Amino acid sequence: MITNLRAQNFKSWKDTGDLRLAPLTGLFGTNSSGKSSILQLLLMLKQTAESSDPNRVLHLGGDPKSYVDLGTFADVIHGHDLGSSLLLSITWPISGRPFHFDVSLREENQRIAISEFAYSGDGRSHRMSVRSDGQYDFVIDGERAFSAPPPQPFRLPLVVKPRGEKAPVHNLLEVELQDLSYLGPLRVPPRRSYLFRGTRPRDVGKDGEETIQALLAVQQSAPSVEKNVAEWLVKMKLIHSFKLRPIAPNRRDHEVLIKTTEESPEVLLTDVGFGVSQLLPVLVLCYYVPEGTTLLLEQPELHLHPSAQSVLADVFIDVVKNRKLQIIFESHSEHLLRRIQRRIAEETFPAQDASMYFCHIENGESHATALELTDEGFIKNWPKDFFGDEMGEVAALAKESISRRRQAR
């Protein structure tokens, strides 16, 4: 689980400040306020760590397997100022002890290069800084250990102990970034049938394209996944029943059958409201991925009725508490936030396990305000026009109603 994140000079963010990422973290705000950029930052680091090129220090995307395509370094750096450096910091725990990583990157001769980066944790520090000849000086616990060509900072495979003995260690940050799973805001439309390939995908895919494959892969070994998904769909009052079955015996073709009410006939997933098929990848992802996974979700409430958006918050709370997932979501849903506040007030979810941010633009720069959640579920610093001017709309409606009645006399 990533506990802290900071970026300087990343897209619209001059400085995010130190963002505390709780087990359940929500990013709210107006359009183009920088919410999605926070998720893009983590996806950029993930695809860098998973890159097949060991010499690539930052993978901005552009190939079919990219999680995100950010263009060039000029597109990424704040204000398109190639004279600035991109500074990134991440903190995550291992066995209850915090580990910290920070890196400074810049563009030189149309190539992204590292100025320096550092790891610290478990009482030790490892800092690497570039020299004028392009080599790196490795400093461990304050003492220069050796020089080497520029490494891939997210895959540091070796440390040098003070006595000079090389010892392999876990690629700590690379492992942490591999435990991220992402689901975008626009999921693939449903199909009338699905061919089971016999493989087990890592997650549901960035567009939800592997959702049914994931369900089929664990239908026998972990039937609780499908059971949980069906139960939440019922609790949201979207369906009455959910079945995933072969079209005929001994066939690999499967279909998803839905009953919307107890009396209605079974129909295919394609023939019910679009909201069900858009929500399905979210629910499957929450119960399919291994415990301890970090989920990055963009607009998970898309196409859902307000009451279902509220129940979605209960889904998140359930998997955070019982499956030890971390969920970082970007949303426009007041209903989702209100349900989280209610569960905090009911003492079924602790306030310290939630971090909620309001993102906004000032003078062309993104800013994040941490919402101050009390143990009673209240937000002490509710931003002005957070979800629009609701009271203003009500007052204007009442004023117009009074004016019309007066004119009618």
Protein backbone atom coordinates (compact mmCIF):
# COMPACT_ATOMS: atom_id res chain seq x y z
CA MET A 1 0.00 0.00 0.00
CA ILE A 2 1.34 3.42 -0.95
CA THR A 3 0.98 5.72 2.04
CA ASN A 4 2.37 9.02 0.72
CA LEU A 5 2.86 10.58 -2.70
CA ARG A 6 4.30 13.88 -3.85
CA ALA A 7 4.96 15.29 -7.32
CA GLN A 8 6.54 18.58 -8.32
CA ASN A 9 6.27 19.96 -11.86
CA PHE A 10 3.95 17.21 -13.11
CA LYS A 11 1.41 18.43 -15.67
CA SER A 12 -0.90 20.99 -13.99
CA TRP A 13 0.67 20.33 -10.58
CA LYS A 14 3.46 22.71 -9.59
CA ASP A 15 3.52 20.84 -6.31
CA THR A 16 0.95 18.36 -5.03
CA GLY A 17 2.29 18.66 -1.52
CA ASP A 18 2.59 15.52 0.56
CA LEU A 19 -0.57 13.55 -0.21
CA ARG A 20 -1.51 11.01 2.46
CA LEU A 21 -2.97 7.98 0.70
CA ALA A 22 -5.19 6.08 3.12
CA PRO A 23 -6.69 2.62 2.55
CA LEU A 24 -9.64 4.49 0.98
CA THR A 25 -8.61 7.67 -0.84
CA GLY A 26 -10.97 9.82 -2.90
CA LEU A 27 -10.11 12.59 -5.34
CA PHE A 28 -12.97 15.01 -6.01
CA GLY A 29 -13.16 18.31 -7.87
CA THR A 30 -14.18 20.05 -11.03
CA ASN A 31 -13.31 18.90 -14.54
CA SER A 32 -9.66 19.42 -15.51
CA SER A 33 -8.67 20.11 -11.91
CA GLY A 34 -5.86 17.54 -11.86
CA LYS A 35 -7.66 14.57 -10.28
CA SER A 36 -6.89 12.13 -13.08
CA SER A 37 -3.28 13.31 -13.23
CA ILE A 38 -2.64 11.81 -9.79
CA LEU A 39 -3.73 8.40 -11.08
CA GLN A 40 -1.76 8.94 -14.30
CA LEU A 41 1.36 9.60 -12.26
CA LEU A 42 1.08 6.22 -10.56
CA LEU A 43 0.32 4.49 -13.86
CA MET A 44 3.37 6.14 -15.44
CA LEU A 45 5.55 4.73 -12.67
CA LYS A 46 3.93 1.30 -12.97
CA GLN A 47 4.53 1.02 -16.72
CA THR A 48 8.09 2.26 -16.20
CA ALA A 49 8.76 -0.47 -13.66
CA GLU A 50 7.24 -3.08 -16.00
CA SER A 51 9.01 -1.84 -19.14
CA SER A 52 10.95 -4.46 -21.10
CA ASP A 53 13.72 -1.90 -21.63
CA PRO A 54 15.96 -1.92 -18.51
CA ASN A 55 17.56 1.38 -19.57
CA ARG A 56 14.29 3.32 -19.80
CA VAL A 57 14.17 5.64 -16.80
CA LEU A 58 10.63 6.91 -17.45
CA HIS A 59 7.99 5.30 -19.66
CA LEU A 60 5.48 7.93 -20.83
CA GLY A 61 3.44 5.46 -22.87
CA GLY A 62 2.59 5.22 -26.53
CA ASP A 63 2.64 1.47 -27.10
CA PRO A 64 -0.40 -0.86 -27.07
CA LYS A 65 0.39 -2.21 -23.59
CA SER A 66 0.70 1.21 -21.97
CA TYR A 67 -1.64 1.98 -19.11
CA VAL A 68 -1.48 5.67 -19.99
CA ASP A 69 -0.07 7.72 -22.88
CA LEU A 70 1.32 11.04 -21.68
CA GLY A 71 3.10 12.14 -24.85
CA THR A 72 6.54 13.70 -24.46
CA PHE A 73 8.46 15.05 -21.49
CA ALA A 74 7.43 18.53 -22.61
CA ASP A 75 3.80 17.44 -22.27
CA VAL A 76 4.42 16.10 -18.78
CA ILE A 77 6.57 18.85 -17.26
CA HIS A 78 4.62 21.67 -15.64
CA GLY A 79 4.23 24.69 -17.93
CA HIS A 80 6.10 22.77 -20.70
CA ASP A 81 9.27 24.19 -19.13
CA LEU A 82 12.07 21.85 -20.18
CA GLY A 83 14.41 23.75 -17.89
CA SER A 84 12.56 22.31 -14.89
CA SER A 85 13.04 18.93 -13.26
CA LEU A 86 10.30 16.46 -12.45
CA LEU A 87 10.49 15.49 -8.77
CA LEU A 88 8.65 12.44 -7.46
CA SER A 89 8.44 10.94 -3.98
CA ILE A 90 6.72 7.75 -2.79
CA THR A 91 6.43 6.12 0.64
CA TRP A 92 5.15 2.62 1.32
CA PRO A 93 5.40 0.19 4.26
CA ILE A 94 7.12 -3.19 4.37
CA SER A 95 6.47 -5.30 7.47
CA GLY A 96 5.19 -2.20 9.21
CA ARG A 97 8.31 -0.12 8.48
CA PRO A 98 8.17 2.84 6.06
CA PHE A 99 10.33 2.86 2.94
CA HIS A 100 10.82 6.04 0.95
CA PHE A 101 11.90 6.72 -2.63
CA ASP A 102 12.48 10.02 -4.41
CA VAL A 103 13.82 10.82 -7.84
CA SER A 104 14.67 13.91 -9.90
CA LEU A 105 14.34 13.66 -13.69
CA ARG A 106 15.05 16.09 -16.52
CA GLU A 107 15.36 16.09 -20.31
CA GLU A 108 18.83 16.24 -21.86
CA ASN A 109 19.38 16.11 -25.62
CA GLN A 110 15.80 14.91 -26.13
CA ARG A 111 16.31 12.04 -23.70
CA ILE A 112 14.94 11.71 -20.19
CA ALA A 113 17.74 11.45 -17.65
CA ILE A 114 18.05 11.11 -13.88
CA SER A 115 19.73 13.78 -11.80
CA GLU A 116 19.59 11.71 -8.63
CA PHE A 117 17.42 9.28 -6.75
CA ALA A 118 17.37 7.81 -3.29
CA TYR A 119 15.95 4.96 -1.24
CA SER A 120 15.68 4.99 2.51
CA GLY A 121 14.18 2.59 5.00
CA ASP A 122 14.94 -0.05 7.58
CA GLY A 123 17.57 2.26 9.04
CA ARG A 124 19.57 2.53 5.81
CA SER A 125 19.82 5.06 3.01
CA HIS A 126 21.01 4.68 -0.58
CA ARG A 127 21.55 7.80 -2.65
CA MET A 128 22.70 7.94 -6.25
CA SER A 129 23.78 11.15 -7.97
CA VAL A 130 25.03 11.76 -11.50
CA ARG A 131 28.57 12.94 -12.23
CA SER A 132 29.80 15.09 -15.08
CA ASP A 133 31.07 11.97 -16.92
CA GLY A 134 27.61 10.39 -16.86
CA GLN A 135 28.50 7.80 -14.24
CA TYR A 136 26.63 7.56 -10.92
CA ASP A 137 28.10 7.77 -7.46
CA PHE A 138 26.36 5.40 -5.09
CA VAL A 139 26.38 6.62 -1.50
CA ILE A 140 25.21 4.17 1.15
CA ASP A 141 24.66 5.31 4.73
CA GLY A 142 26.60 8.48 3.99
CA GLU A 143 29.68 6.78 2.52
CA ARG A 144 30.59 6.59 -1.16
CA ALA A 145 30.38 2.92 -2.12
CA PHE A 146 31.09 2.71 -5.86
CA SER A 147 30.40 4.22 -9.28
CA ALA A 148 28.38 2.65 -12.06
CA PRO A 149 26.44 3.46 -15.24
CA PRO A 150 22.97 4.96 -14.78
CA PRO A 151 20.57 2.31 -13.43
CA GLN A 152 16.83 1.94 -13.80
CA PRO A 153 15.79 3.45 -10.46
CA PHE A 154 12.56 1.49 -10.12
CA ARG A 155 14.40 -1.84 -10.40
CA LEU A 156 17.43 -1.37 -8.19
CA PRO A 157 18.63 -5.00 -8.02
CA LEU A 158 21.71 -4.67 -5.80
CA VAL A 159 22.90 -2.89 -2.71
CA VAL A 160 26.47 -2.67 -1.50
CA LYS A 161 27.01 -3.28 2.18
CA PRO A 162 29.53 -1.03 3.96
CA ARG A 163 32.19 -3.76 3.77
CA GLY A 164 31.77 -3.86 -0.03
CA GLU A 165 29.98 -7.20 -0.30
CA LYS A 166 27.26 -7.16 -2.97
CA ALA A 167 23.99 -8.70 -1.85
CA PRO A 168 20.79 -9.11 -3.87
CA VAL A 169 17.69 -7.58 -2.36
CA HIS A 170 14.05 -7.45 -3.34
CA ASN A 171 13.18 -4.88 -5.97
CA LEU A 172 11.03 -3.17 -3.39
CA LEU A 173 9.48 -0.36 -5.43
CA GLU A 174 9.03 -2.49 -8.53
CA VAL A 175 7.07 -5.05 -6.52
CA GLU A 176 4.92 -2.33 -4.97
CA LEU A 177 4.10 -0.81 -8.37
CA GLN A 178 3.23 -4.21 -9.84
CA ASP A 179 0.56 -4.53 -7.16
CA LEU A 180 -1.41 -1.66 -8.73
CA SER A 181 -4.51 -2.50 -10.79
CA TYR A 182 -6.25 0.17 -12.86
CA LEU A 183 -9.76 0.48 -14.27
CA GLY A 184 -10.58 3.42 -16.51
CA PRO A 185 -13.82 5.40 -16.74
CA LEU A 186 -15.12 3.99 -20.04
CA ARG A 187 -15.50 0.21 -19.90
CA VAL A 188 -16.08 -2.01 -22.91
CA PRO A 189 -19.72 -2.66 -23.86
CA PRO A 190 -21.15 -6.10 -23.02
CA ARG A 191 -21.23 -8.94 -25.52
CA ARG A 192 -23.87 -11.60 -26.13
CA SER A 193 -21.39 -14.41 -25.50
CA TYR A 194 -17.86 -14.88 -24.17
CA LEU A 195 -15.30 -17.52 -25.13
CA PHE A 196 -13.36 -18.84 -22.13
CA ARG A 197 -9.67 -19.00 -23.06
CA GLY A 198 -8.69 -21.13 -20.07
CA THR A 199 -6.31 -18.45 -18.79
CA ARG A 200 -6.38 -16.43 -15.59
CA PRO A 201 -5.87 -12.67 -16.20
CA ARG A 202 -4.07 -10.60 -13.60
CA ASP A 203 -7.07 -8.27 -13.27
CA VAL A 204 -10.04 -7.14 -15.38
CA GLY A 205 -8.00 -5.00 -17.78
CA LYS A 206 -7.81 -1.21 -17.94
CA ASP A 207 -11.11 -1.04 -19.87
CA GLY A 208 -12.77 -4.00 -18.16
CA GLU A 209 -12.20 -6.20 -21.20
CA GLU A 210 -11.10 -9.17 -19.05
CA THR A 211 -14.03 -9.03 -16.61
CA ILE A 212 -15.83 -12.18 -17.73
CA GLN A 213 -12.55 -14.03 -18.30
CA ALA A 214 -11.64 -13.28 -14.69
CA LEU A 215 -14.99 -14.58 -13.42
CA LEU A 216 -14.70 -17.76 -15.50
CA ALA A 217 -11.13 -18.33 -14.32
CA VAL A 218 -12.19 -18.54 -10.67
CA GLN A 219 -15.72 -19.91 -11.09
CA GLN A 220 -14.69 -23.27 -9.62
CA SER A 221 -11.73 -22.35 -7.42
CA ALA A 222 -13.19 -19.19 -5.86
CA PRO A 223 -16.99 -19.15 -6.35
CA SER A 224 -17.25 -16.42 -3.70
CA VAL A 225 -16.15 -13.86 -6.32
CA GLU A 226 -19.25 -14.37 -8.46
CA LYS A 227 -21.40 -14.69 -5.33
CA ASN A 228 -20.20 -11.34 -3.96
CA VAL A 229 -20.69 -9.62 -7.31
CA ALA A 230 -24.26 -10.93 -7.61
CA GLU A 231 -25.12 -9.97 -4.03
CA TRP A 232 -23.98 -6.37 -4.47
CA LEU A 233 -25.87 -6.01 -7.75
CA VAL A 234 -28.99 -7.10 -5.88
CA LYS A 235 -28.29 -4.75 -2.97
CA MET A 236 -28.02 -1.90 -5.44
CA LYS A 237 -31.46 -2.90 -6.76
CA LEU A 238 -30.08 -3.20 -10.27
CA ILE A 239 -30.99 -6.87 -10.78
CA HIS A 240 -32.78 -9.78 -9.12
CA SER A 241 -30.36 -12.54 -10.17
CA PHE A 242 -27.08 -13.04 -12.03
CA LYS A 243 -25.81 -16.19 -13.79
CA LEU A 244 -22.69 -16.95 -15.82
CA ARG A 245 -23.05 -20.29 -17.61
CA PRO A 246 -22.05 -22.18 -20.78
CA ILE A 247 -24.31 -21.74 -23.77
CA ALA A 248 -24.48 -25.55 -24.06
CA PRO A 249 -22.82 -28.49 -22.24
CA ASN A 250 -19.11 -28.96 -22.94
CA ARG A 251 -18.88 -25.61 -24.71
CA ARG A 252 -16.35 -22.85 -24.02
CA ASP A 253 -18.86 -20.19 -25.04
CA HIS A 254 -20.54 -18.58 -22.05
CA GLU A 255 -23.34 -16.08 -21.55
CA VAL A 256 -24.31 -13.74 -18.73
CA LEU A 257 -28.00 -14.00 -17.87
CA ILE A 258 -29.82 -11.39 -15.80
CA LYS A 259 -33.26 -11.24 -14.20
CA THR A 260 -34.19 -7.66 -13.39
CA THR A 261 -37.16 -8.67 -11.19
CA GLU A 262 -38.39 -11.92 -9.69
CA GLU A 263 -41.17 -12.14 -12.28
CA SER A 264 -39.19 -11.08 -15.34
CA PRO A 265 -37.59 -13.58 -17.75
CA GLU A 266 -33.83 -14.10 -17.93
CA VAL A 267 -32.17 -11.90 -20.54
CA LEU A 268 -28.62 -11.42 -21.72
CA LEU A 269 -26.36 -8.78 -20.19
CA THR A 270 -26.61 -6.85 -23.44
CA ASP A 271 -30.35 -6.44 -22.94
CA VAL A 272 -30.38 -4.72 -19.55
CA GLY A 273 -29.45 -1.18 -18.52
CA PHE A 274 -25.96 -0.03 -19.46
CA GLY A 275 -25.15 0.72 -15.83
CA VAL A 276 -24.97 -2.98 -14.92
CA SER A 277 -22.30 -3.77 -17.53
CA GLN A 278 -20.31 -0.66 -16.57
CA LEU A 279 -20.42 -1.53 -12.87
CA LEU A 280 -19.60 -5.21 -13.34
CA PRO A 281 -15.84 -4.67 -13.92
CA VAL A 282 -15.63 -2.57 -10.74
CA LEU A 283 -17.25 -5.27 -8.61
CA VAL A 284 -15.30 -8.14 -10.16
CA LEU A 285 -12.02 -6.26 -9.72
CA CYS A 286 -12.75 -5.64 -6.03
CA TYR A 287 -13.25 -9.34 -5.27
CA TYR A 288 -10.96 -10.93 -7.86
CA VAL A 289 -7.54 -9.33 -7.30
CA PRO A 290 -5.27 -10.70 -4.55
CA GLU A 291 -5.58 -9.27 -1.08
CA GLY A 292 -3.33 -6.27 -0.52
CA THR A 293 -3.70 -4.96 -4.09
CA THR A 294 -4.01 -1.21 -4.71
CA LEU A 295 -6.88 -0.31 -7.07
CA LEU A 296 -6.87 2.88 -9.14
CA LEU A 297 -10.41 3.69 -10.29
CA GLU A 298 -11.63 6.52 -12.50
CA GLN A 299 -15.28 7.46 -12.08
CA PRO A 300 -16.33 4.05 -10.77
CA GLU A 301 -19.88 5.39 -10.31
CA LEU A 302 -20.37 6.19 -14.00
CA HIS A 303 -23.90 5.41 -15.32
CA LEU A 304 -25.19 4.53 -11.83
CA HIS A 305 -28.31 5.84 -10.15
CA PRO A 306 -27.55 7.96 -7.01
CA SER A 307 -28.77 5.23 -4.65
CA ALA A 308 -26.44 2.70 -6.30
CA GLN A 309 -23.57 5.18 -6.04
CA SER A 310 -24.12 5.22 -2.29
CA VAL A 311 -24.01 1.42 -2.07
CA LEU A 312 -20.80 1.43 -4.10
CA ALA A 313 -19.16 3.19 -1.15
CA ASP A 314 -20.17 0.20 0.99
CA VAL A 315 -18.47 -2.11 -1.53
CA PHE A 316 -15.24 -0.13 -1.16
CA ILE A 317 -15.46 -0.17 2.63
CA ASP A 318 -16.08 -3.93 2.62
CA VAL A 319 -13.03 -4.82 0.52
CA VAL A 320 -10.78 -2.31 2.29
CA LYS A 321 -11.68 -3.83 5.66
CA ASN A 322 -12.00 -7.51 4.75
CA ARG A 323 -9.66 -7.94 1.76
CA LYS A 324 -7.04 -5.36 2.82
CA LEU A 325 -7.28 -3.60 -0.55
CA GLN A 326 -6.26 0.00 -1.02
CA ILE A 327 -8.62 1.98 -3.25
CA ILE A 328 -7.67 5.31 -4.79
CA PHE A 329 -10.59 6.65 -6.80
CA GLU A 330 -11.40 9.77 -8.79
CA SER A 331 -15.07 10.73 -8.68
CA HIS A 332 -17.77 13.37 -9.10
CA SER A 333 -20.21 11.56 -6.82
CA GLU A 334 -21.52 13.39 -3.77
CA HIS A 335 -23.59 10.30 -2.94
CA LEU A 336 -20.49 8.13 -2.70
CA LEU A 337 -18.78 10.61 -0.37
CA ARG A 338 -21.89 11.05 1.80
CA ARG A 339 -22.13 7.29 2.38
CA ILE A 340 -18.48 7.19 3.49
CA GLN A 341 -19.22 10.03 5.92
CA ARG A 342 -22.25 8.14 7.23
CA ARG A 343 -20.27 4.94 7.83
CA ILE A 344 -17.65 6.93 9.73
CA ALA A 345 -20.38 8.47 11.89
CA GLU A 346 -21.82 4.99 12.51
CA GLU A 347 -18.35 3.83 13.60
CA THR A 348 -18.29 1.07 11.01
CA PHE A 349 -15.33 2.69 9.22
CA PRO A 350 -12.63 4.73 10.98
CA ALA A 351 -11.96 8.27 9.80
CA GLN A 352 -8.19 7.67 9.78
CA ASP A 353 -8.66 5.01 7.09
CA ALA A 354 -10.07 7.62 4.67
CA SER A 355 -8.32 10.45 2.85
CA MET A 356 -10.53 12.69 0.75
CA TYR A 357 -9.20 15.55 -1.39
CA PHE A 358 -10.81 18.43 -3.22
CA CYS A 359 -8.80 19.34 -6.33
CA HIS A 360 -9.12 22.76 -7.92
CA ILE A 361 -7.29 25.13 -10.27
CA GLU A 362 -5.90 28.50 -9.27
CA ASN A 363 -3.90 30.64 -11.73
CA GLY A 364 -3.34 27.66 -13.98
CA GLU A 365 -2.03 25.39 -11.20
CA SER A 366 -3.74 22.43 -9.56
CA HIS A 367 -4.12 22.39 -5.78
CA ALA A 368 -5.34 19.63 -3.46
CA THR A 369 -7.18 20.44 -0.24
CA ALA A 370 -7.34 17.59 2.26
CA LEU A 371 -10.90 17.37 3.59
CA GLU A 372 -10.83 17.31 7.39
CA LEU A 373 -13.03 14.36 8.36
CA THR A 374 -14.08 14.16 12.00
CA ASP A 375 -14.85 10.94 13.87
CA GLU A 376 -18.52 11.95 13.56
CA GLY A 377 -18.24 11.95 9.76
CA PHE A 378 -18.39 15.72 9.31
CA ILE A 379 -16.10 17.66 6.97
CA LYS A 380 -14.81 20.67 8.89
CA ASN A 381 -13.50 22.52 5.84
CA TRP A 382 -16.23 21.89 3.23
CA PRO A 383 -15.02 23.78 0.14
CA LYS A 384 -17.17 26.47 -1.41
CA ASP A 385 -19.26 25.07 -4.29
CA PHE A 386 -17.76 21.62 -3.66
CA PHE A 387 -20.61 19.90 -5.51
CA GLY A 388 -22.14 23.05 -6.93
CA ASP A 389 -24.26 25.64 -5.15
CA GLU A 390 -27.10 23.40 -3.94
CA MET A 391 -28.50 25.90 -1.46
CA GLY A 392 -28.26 28.64 -4.08
CA GLU A 393 -30.29 26.55 -6.51
CA VAL A 394 -32.98 25.90 -3.89
CA ALA A 395 -33.11 29.59 -2.95
CA ALA A 396 -33.36 30.65 -6.60
CA LEU A 397 -36.17 28.13 -7.17
CA ALA A 398 -38.11 29.44 -4.16
CA LYS A 399 -37.58 33.05 -5.23
CA GLU A 400 -38.85 32.34 -8.75
CA SER A 401 -41.87 30.47 -7.36
CA ILE A 402 -42.80 33.41 -5.10
CA SER A 403 -42.35 35.85 -7.98
CA ARG A 404 -44.72 33.86 -10.24
CA ARG A 405 -47.40 33.64 -7.55
CA ARG A 406 -47.24 37.38 -7.07
CA GLN A 407 -47.59 38.01 -10.81
CA ALA A 408 -50.62 35.71 -10.95
CA ARG A 409 -52.55 37.76 -8.38
